[in-house]
C-alpha atoms as a PDB file:
ATOM      1  CA  UNK A   1      38.634 -35.342   5.262  1.00  0.00           C
ATOM      2  CA  UNK A   2      42.030 -33.734   5.107  1.00  0.00           C
ATOM      3  CA  UNK A   3      44.612 -34.917   2.667  1.00  0.00           C
ATOM      4  CA  UNK A   4      48.145 -35.659   3.666  1.00  0.00           C
ATOM      5  CA  UNK A   5      50.519 -33.377   1.974  1.00  0.00           C
ATOM      6  CA  UNK A   6      52.744 -36.362   0.945  1.00  0.00           C
ATOM      7  CA  UNK A   7      50.056 -37.420  -1.532  1.00  0.00           C
ATOM      8  CA  UNK A   8      49.552 -33.977  -3.228  1.00  0.00           C
ATOM      9  CA  UNK A   9      52.248 -34.547  -5.893  1.00  0.00           C
ATOM     10  CA  UNK A  10      50.919 -37.995  -6.842  1.00  0.00           C
ATOM     11  CA  UNK A  11      47.293 -36.696  -7.027  1.00  0.00           C
ATOM     12  CA  UNK A  12      48.471 -33.740  -9.130  1.00  0.00           C
ATOM     13  CA  UNK A  13      50.225 -36.047 -11.535  1.00  0.00           C
ATOM     14  CA  UNK A  14      47.046 -38.233 -11.788  1.00  0.00           C
ATOM     15  CA  UNK A  15      44.961 -35.152 -12.525  1.00  0.00           C
ATOM     16  CA  UNK A  16      47.361 -34.098 -15.208  1.00  0.00           C
ATOM     17  CA  UNK A  17      47.137 -37.589 -16.830  1.00  0.00           C
ATOM     18  CA  UNK A  18      43.357 -37.569 -16.695  1.00  0.00           C
ATOM     19  CA  UNK A  19      43.045 -34.128 -18.260  1.00  0.00           C
ATOM     20  CA  UNK A  20      45.651 -34.771 -20.963  1.00  0.00           C
ATOM     21  CA  UNK A  21      43.310 -36.641 -23.318  1.00  0.00           C
ATOM     22  CA  UNK A  22      40.592 -34.120 -22.825  1.00  0.00           C
ATOM     23  CA  UNK A  23      43.029 -31.398 -23.602  1.00  0.00           C
ATOM     24  CA  UNK A  24      44.241 -33.124 -26.706  1.00  0.00           C
ATOM     25  CA  UNK A  25      41.002 -34.293 -28.172  1.00  0.00           C
ATOM     26  CA  UNK A  26      38.510 -31.717 -27.096  1.00  0.00           C
ATOM     27  CA  UNK A  27      40.509 -28.508 -27.125  1.00  0.00           C
ATOM     28  CA  UNK A  28      43.335 -29.267 -29.598  1.00  0.00           C
ATOM     29  CA  UNK A  29      41.010 -31.128 -31.954  1.00  0.00           C
ATOM     30  CA  UNK A  30      42.943 -34.408 -32.247  1.00  0.00           C
ATOM     31  CA  UNK A  31      41.211 -36.728 -34.733  1.00  0.00           C
ATOM     32  CA  UNK A  32      41.223 -40.247 -36.027  1.00  0.00           C
ATOM     33  CA  UNK A  33      40.250 -41.917 -39.264  1.00  0.00           C
ATOM     34  CA  UNK A  34      38.937 -45.471 -39.386  1.00  0.00           C
ATOM     35  CA  UNK A  35      39.584 -45.830 -43.066  1.00  0.00           C
ATOM     36  CA  UNK A  36      42.871 -47.386 -44.113  1.00  0.00           C
ATOM     37  CA  UNK A  37      43.046 -45.282 -47.377  1.00  0.00           C
ATOM     38  CA  UNK A  38      40.681 -42.314 -47.103  1.00  0.00           C
ATOM     39  CA  UNK A  39      41.970 -40.695 -50.282  1.00  0.00           C
ATOM     40  CA  UNK A  40      41.249 -43.826 -52.306  1.00  0.00           C
ATOM     41  CA  UNK A  41      37.870 -43.883 -50.835  1.00  0.00           C
ATOM     42  CA  UNK A  42      37.220 -40.269 -51.864  1.00  0.00           C
ATOM     43  CA  UNK A  43      39.783 -39.678 -54.607  1.00  0.00           C
ATOM     44  CA  UNK A  44      40.852 -36.232 -55.938  1.00  0.00           C
ATOM     45  CA  UNK A  45      39.034 -34.453 -53.123  1.00  0.00           C
ATOM     46  CA  UNK A  46      37.912 -31.024 -54.078  1.00  0.00           C
ATOM     47  CA  UNK A  47      39.901 -31.152 -57.333  1.00  0.00           C
ATOM     48  CA  UNK A  48      38.254 -28.923 -59.953  1.00  0.00           C
ATOM     49  CA  UNK A  49      35.637 -27.701 -57.495  1.00  0.00           C
ATOM     50  CA  UNK A  50      34.675 -24.058 -57.767  1.00  0.00           C
ATOM     51  CA  UNK A  51      35.874 -22.086 -54.811  1.00  0.00           C
ATOM     52  CA  UNK A  52      32.386 -21.085 -53.758  1.00  0.00           C
ATOM     53  CA  UNK A  53      31.278 -24.732 -53.706  1.00  0.00           C
ATOM     54  CA  UNK A  54      34.333 -25.644 -51.682  1.00  0.00           C
ATOM     55  CA  UNK A  55      33.564 -22.919 -49.213  1.00  0.00           C
ATOM     56  CA  UNK A  56      29.948 -23.986 -48.939  1.00  0.00           C
ATOM     57  CA  UNK A  57      30.752 -27.609 -48.228  1.00  0.00           C
ATOM     58  CA  UNK A  58      33.203 -26.630 -45.559  1.00  0.00           C
ATOM     59  CA  UNK A  59      30.942 -24.019 -43.955  1.00  0.00           C
ATOM     60  CA  UNK A  60      27.669 -25.909 -44.015  1.00  0.00           C
ATOM     61  CA  UNK A  61      28.749 -29.546 -43.653  1.00  0.00           C
ATOM     62  CA  UNK A  62      32.264 -29.066 -42.005  1.00  0.00           C
ATOM     63  CA  UNK A  63      33.520 -31.316 -44.892  1.00  0.00           C
ATOM     64  CA  UNK A  64      37.199 -32.194 -44.665  1.00  0.00           C
ATOM     65  CA  UNK A  65      36.967 -34.504 -47.686  1.00  0.00           C
ATOM     66  CA  UNK A  66      34.325 -34.561 -50.350  1.00  0.00           C
ATOM     67  CA  UNK A  67      33.660 -35.369 -53.966  1.00  0.00           C
ATOM     68  CA  UNK A  68      30.704 -34.864 -56.394  1.00  0.00           C
ATOM     69  CA  UNK A  69      30.193 -36.523 -59.689  1.00  0.00           C
ATOM     70  CA  UNK A  70      27.830 -38.286 -62.070  1.00  0.00           C
ATOM     71  CA  UNK A  71      26.864 -41.871 -62.891  1.00  0.00           C
ATOM     72  CA  UNK A  72      26.000 -41.957 -66.525  1.00  0.00           C
ATOM     73  CA  UNK A  73      22.603 -43.281 -67.497  1.00  0.00           C
ATOM     74  CA  UNK A  74      21.943 -46.027 -69.940  1.00  0.00           C
ATOM     75  CA  UNK A  75      19.013 -47.777 -71.512  1.00  0.00           C
ATOM     76  CA  UNK A  76      16.746 -44.844 -71.116  1.00  0.00           C
ATOM     77  CA  UNK A  77      17.717 -44.345 -67.383  1.00  0.00           C
ATOM     78  CA  UNK A  78      18.564 -40.836 -66.313  1.00  0.00           C
ATOM     79  CA  UNK A  79      21.984 -39.817 -65.069  1.00  0.00           C
ATOM     80  CA  UNK A  80      22.577 -39.910 -61.329  1.00  0.00           C
ATOM     81  CA  UNK A  81      24.298 -37.142 -59.494  1.00  0.00           C
ATOM     82  CA  UNK A  82      26.263 -38.179 -56.414  1.00  0.00           C
ATOM     83  CA  UNK A  83      28.062 -36.553 -53.396  1.00  0.00           C
ATOM     84  CA  UNK A  84      30.430 -38.405 -50.969  1.00  0.00           C
ATOM     85  CA  UNK A  85      31.019 -36.204 -47.944  1.00  0.00           C
ATOM     86  CA  UNK A  86      33.153 -36.920 -44.855  1.00  0.00           C
ATOM     87  CA  UNK A  87      33.000 -34.736 -41.731  1.00  0.00           C
ATOM     88  CA  UNK A  88      33.977 -34.820 -38.186  1.00  0.00           C
ATOM     89  CA  UNK A  89      30.927 -32.866 -37.312  1.00  0.00           C
ATOM     90  CA  UNK A  90      28.574 -35.749 -37.503  1.00  0.00           C
ATOM     91  CA  UNK A  91      25.495 -33.779 -36.696  1.00  0.00           C
ATOM     92  CA  UNK A  92      25.889 -31.634 -39.788  1.00  0.00           C
ATOM     93  CA  UNK A  93      25.693 -34.797 -41.907  1.00  0.00           C
ATOM     94  CA  UNK A  94      22.802 -36.638 -40.326  1.00  0.00           C
ATOM     95  CA  UNK A  95      20.724 -33.575 -39.417  1.00  0.00           C
ATOM     96  CA  UNK A  96      18.934 -32.332 -42.539  1.00  0.00           C
ATOM     97  CA  UNK A  97      21.773 -33.229 -44.902  1.00  0.00           C
ATOM     98  CA  UNK A  98      19.402 -33.054 -47.891  1.00  0.00           C
ATOM     99  CA  UNK A  99      18.464 -29.447 -46.905  1.00  0.00           C
ATOM    100  CA  UNK A 100      22.172 -28.493 -46.692  1.00  0.00           C
ATOM    101  CA  UNK A 101      23.099 -30.075 -50.073  1.00  0.00           C
ATOM    102  CA  UNK A 102      19.894 -29.276 -51.990  1.00  0.00           C
ATOM    103  CA  UNK A 103      18.783 -26.173 -50.069  1.00  0.00           C
ATOM    104  CA  UNK A 104      15.148 -27.414 -50.224  1.00  0.00           C
ATOM    105  CA  UNK A 105      12.985 -29.625 -48.085  1.00  0.00           C
ATOM    106  CA  UNK A 106      11.667 -33.023 -49.606  1.00  0.00           C
ATOM    107  CA  UNK A 107       8.026 -33.625 -50.068  1.00  0.00           C
ATOM    108  CA  UNK A 108       8.419 -37.164 -48.691  1.00  0.00           C
ATOM    109  CA  UNK A 109      11.109 -38.994 -46.719  1.00  0.00           C
ATOM    110  CA  UNK A 110      11.209 -42.732 -46.017  1.00  0.00           C
ATOM    111  CA  UNK A 111      13.526 -45.391 -44.704  1.00  0.00           C
ATOM    112  CA  UNK A 112      14.187 -48.510 -46.713  1.00  0.00           C
ATOM    113  CA  UNK A 113      16.534 -51.401 -46.065  1.00  0.00           C
ATOM    114  CA  UNK A 114      18.907 -53.197 -48.425  1.00  0.00           C
ATOM    115  CA  UNK A 115      20.993 -56.231 -47.653  1.00  0.00           C
ATOM    116  CA  UNK A 116      24.608 -56.540 -48.845  1.00  0.00           C
ATOM    117  CA  UNK A 117      26.573 -59.586 -47.815  1.00  0.00           C
ATOM    118  CA  UNK A 118      24.339 -60.165 -44.749  1.00  0.00           C
ATOM    119  CA  UNK A 119      24.645 -56.526 -43.623  1.00  0.00           C
ATOM    120  CA  UNK A 120      21.492 -54.395 -43.521  1.00  0.00           C
ATOM    121  CA  UNK A 121      21.873 -50.973 -44.912  1.00  0.00           C
ATOM    122  CA  UNK A 122      19.344 -48.340 -43.521  1.00  0.00           C
ATOM    123  CA  UNK A 123      18.851 -46.083 -46.518  1.00  0.00           C
ATOM    124  CA  UNK A 124      16.925 -42.843 -46.401  1.00  0.00           C
ATOM    125  CA  UNK A 125      14.902 -42.002 -49.502  1.00  0.00           C
ATOM    126  CA  UNK A 126      13.665 -38.562 -50.446  1.00  0.00           C
ATOM    127  CA  UNK A 127      11.070 -37.454 -53.030  1.00  0.00           C
ATOM    128  CA  UNK A 128      10.762 -33.952 -54.428  1.00  0.00           C
ATOM    129  CA  UNK A 129       7.535 -33.484 -56.353  1.00  0.00           C
ATOM    130  CA  UNK A 130       7.325 -31.645 -59.686  1.00  0.00           C
ATOM    131  CA  UNK A 131       6.489 -27.978 -59.569  1.00  0.00           C
ATOM    132  CA  UNK A 132       3.074 -26.938 -60.782  1.00  0.00           C
ATOM    133  CA  UNK A 133       2.775 -27.519 -64.560  1.00  0.00           C
ATOM    134  CA  UNK A 134       5.845 -29.851 -64.739  1.00  0.00           C
ATOM    135  CA  UNK A 135       6.222 -33.586 -64.927  1.00  0.00           C
ATOM    136  CA  UNK A 136       9.814 -33.463 -63.726  1.00  0.00           C
ATOM    137  CA  UNK A 137      10.564 -34.315 -60.111  1.00  0.00           C
ATOM    138  CA  UNK A 138      13.610 -35.510 -58.205  1.00  0.00           C
ATOM    139  CA  UNK A 139      14.460 -38.591 -56.117  1.00  0.00           C
ATOM    140  CA  UNK A 140      17.323 -38.878 -53.730  1.00  0.00           C
ATOM    141  CA  UNK A 141      18.672 -41.419 -51.396  1.00  0.00           C
ATOM    142  CA  UNK A 142      21.495 -41.539 -48.912  1.00  0.00           C
ATOM    143  CA  UNK A 143      23.448 -43.809 -46.608  1.00  0.00           C
ATOM    144  CA  UNK A 144      25.463 -42.784 -43.472  1.00  0.00           C
ATOM    145  CA  UNK A 145      28.484 -44.780 -42.334  1.00  0.00           C
ATOM    146  CA  UNK A 146      30.405 -44.414 -39.018  1.00  0.00           C
ATOM    147  CA  UNK A 147      33.324 -46.436 -37.679  1.00  0.00           C
ATOM    148  CA  UNK A 148      32.935 -49.203 -40.269  1.00  0.00           C
ATOM    149  CA  UNK A 149      29.261 -49.683 -39.841  1.00  0.00           C
ATOM    150  CA  UNK A 150      26.066 -48.327 -41.526  1.00  0.00           C
ATOM    151  CA  UNK A 151      24.156 -45.808 -39.374  1.00  0.00           C
ATOM    152  CA  UNK A 152      20.579 -46.589 -38.468  1.00  0.00           C
ATOM    153  CA  UNK A 153      20.061 -44.155 -35.607  1.00  0.00           C
ATOM    154  CA  UNK A 154      22.729 -41.426 -35.782  1.00  0.00           C
ATOM    155  CA  UNK A 155      21.599 -39.655 -32.543  1.00  0.00           C
ATOM    156  CA  UNK A 156      22.284 -42.882 -30.616  1.00  0.00           C
ATOM    157  CA  UNK A 157      25.582 -43.475 -32.423  1.00  0.00           C
ATOM    158  CA  UNK A 158      26.784 -40.020 -31.403  1.00  0.00           C
ATOM    159  CA  UNK A 159      25.803 -40.527 -27.747  1.00  0.00           C
ATOM    160  CA  UNK A 160      27.482 -43.933 -27.535  1.00  0.00           C
ATOM    161  CA  UNK A 161      30.664 -42.728 -29.229  1.00  0.00           C
ATOM    162  CA  UNK A 162      31.086 -39.557 -27.094  1.00  0.00           C
ATOM    163  CA  UNK A 163      33.258 -41.235 -24.401  1.00  0.00           C
ATOM    164  CA  UNK A 164      35.687 -42.934 -26.801  1.00  0.00           C
ATOM    165  CA  UNK A 165      35.885 -39.794 -28.828  1.00  0.00           C
ATOM    166  CA  UNK A 166      36.825 -37.784 -25.806  1.00  0.00           C
ATOM    167  CA  UNK A 167      39.608 -40.153 -24.907  1.00  0.00           C
ATOM    168  CA  UNK A 168      40.821 -41.343 -28.268  1.00  0.00           C
ATOM    169  CA  UNK A 169      39.915 -38.558 -30.639  1.00  0.00           C
ATOM    170  CA  UNK A 170      37.011 -37.997 -33.025  1.00  0.00           C
ATOM    171  CA  UNK A 171      36.161 -40.212 -35.968  1.00  0.00           C
ATOM    172  CA  UNK A 172      34.539 -38.886 -39.197  1.00  0.00           C
ATOM    173  CA  UNK A 173      31.064 -39.831 -40.537  1.00  0.00           C
ATOM    174  CA  UNK A 174      30.738 -40.565 -44.154  1.00  0.00           C
ATOM    175  CA  UNK A 175      27.672 -39.776 -46.239  1.00  0.00           C
ATOM    176  CA  UNK A 176      26.933 -41.309 -49.627  1.00  0.00           C
ATOM    177  CA  UNK A 177      24.233 -39.207 -51.382  1.00  0.00           C
ATOM    178  CA  UNK A 178      22.673 -39.739 -54.862  1.00  0.00           C
ATOM    179  CA  UNK A 179      19.929 -37.815 -56.631  1.00  0.00           C
ATOM    180  CA  UNK A 180      18.287 -37.833 -60.116  1.00  0.00           C
ATOM    181  CA  UNK A 181      15.869 -35.668 -61.985  1.00  0.00           C
ATOM    182  CA  UNK A 182      13.239 -37.736 -63.685  1.00  0.00           C
ATOM    183  CA  UNK A 183       9.781 -38.068 -65.272  1.00  0.00           C
ATOM    184  CA  UNK A 184       7.083 -39.169 -62.886  1.00  0.00           C
ATOM    185  CA  UNK A 185       6.749 -42.552 -64.513  1.00  0.00           C
ATOM    186  CA  UNK A 186      10.393 -43.329 -64.099  1.00  0.00           C
ATOM    187  CA  UNK A 187      10.480 -43.437 -60.313  1.00  0.00           C
ATOM    188  CA  UNK A 188      10.619 -47.096 -59.689  1.00  0.00           C
ATOM    189  CA  UNK A 189      13.505 -47.722 -62.055  1.00  0.00           C
ATOM    190  CA  UNK A 190      15.416 -44.763 -60.832  1.00  0.00           C
ATOM    191  CA  UNK A 191      15.071 -45.700 -57.250  1.00  0.00           C
ATOM    192  CA  UNK A 192      16.404 -49.155 -57.922  1.00  0.00           C
ATOM    193  CA  UNK A 193      19.423 -47.599 -59.538  1.00  0.00           C
ATOM    194  CA  UNK A 194      20.041 -45.257 -56.601  1.00  0.00           C
ATOM    195  CA  UNK A 195      19.838 -48.181 -54.174  1.00  0.00           C
ATOM    196  CA  UNK A 196      22.199 -50.162 -56.332  1.00  0.00           C
ATOM    197  CA  UNK A 197      24.703 -47.316 -56.290  1.00  0.00           C
ATOM    198  CA  UNK A 198      24.508 -47.148 -52.522  1.00  0.00           C
ATOM    199  CA  UNK A 199      25.035 -50.817 -52.146  1.00  0.00           C
ATOM    200  CA  UNK A 200      28.200 -50.619 -54.352  1.00  0.00           C
ATOM    201  CA  UNK A 201      29.362 -47.623 -52.361  1.00  0.00           C
ATOM    202  CA  UNK A 202      29.095 -49.705 -49.143  1.00  0.00           C
ATOM    203  CA  UNK A 203      31.147 -52.515 -50.778  1.00  0.00           C
ATOM    204  CA  UNK A 204      33.751 -50.047 -51.904  1.00  0.00           C
ATOM    205  CA  UNK A 205      33.856 -48.589 -48.363  1.00  0.00           C
ATOM    206  CA  UNK A 206      34.451 -51.824 -46.722  1.00  0.00           C
ATOM    207  CA  UNK A 207      36.990 -53.111 -49.158  1.00  0.00           C
ATOM    208  CA  UNK A 208      39.056 -49.886 -49.149  1.00  0.00           C
ATOM    209  CA  UNK A 209      38.833 -48.846 -45.481  1.00  0.00           C
ATOM    210  CA  UNK A 210      39.060 -52.466 -44.073  1.00  0.00           C
ATOM    211  CA  UNK A 211      41.220 -54.360 -46.486  1.00  0.00           C
END
């Protein structure tokens, strides 16, 4: 069907309007942040970090905001090491994040659930067995958060959010990651502390980002 010439300017204008969000968000990299105060959520981002660690986090996780620290032990419990990482490249956080942070594969990976104020937190737990001749292993756990909600199935989240990201701009994914080195018989107590830390991290996230 032939198009009347008098409609060509209008159609051209509509085409430009339709392509504008794609140009802004896909090619120019326009981004959003669901958090009301991201620098309170992850304070002093990168401050004191070694240059090589900063470069590693950016290269391997596309991190735009990150922090690492320690939760001091007590009553015989070991210290927990944590990482909070925020990235607009969601796949780099949910796809083998433990291999990227720790550079080694876990011997066991499971999913457990915790409940905070009626919200179910899908937590991934990791176990790294002691090396031969050693009684010291490692336990890790992490929680992924996207657009104000805990992430159960990151692949599904990314697929469902693709249209809105294209039109409105990308949102970051946040990972709360915690790990401890421990003796074999400490596993149950350490795991409980890790889940408690993730539960508190979720509370902090909600209170800071959605006051």
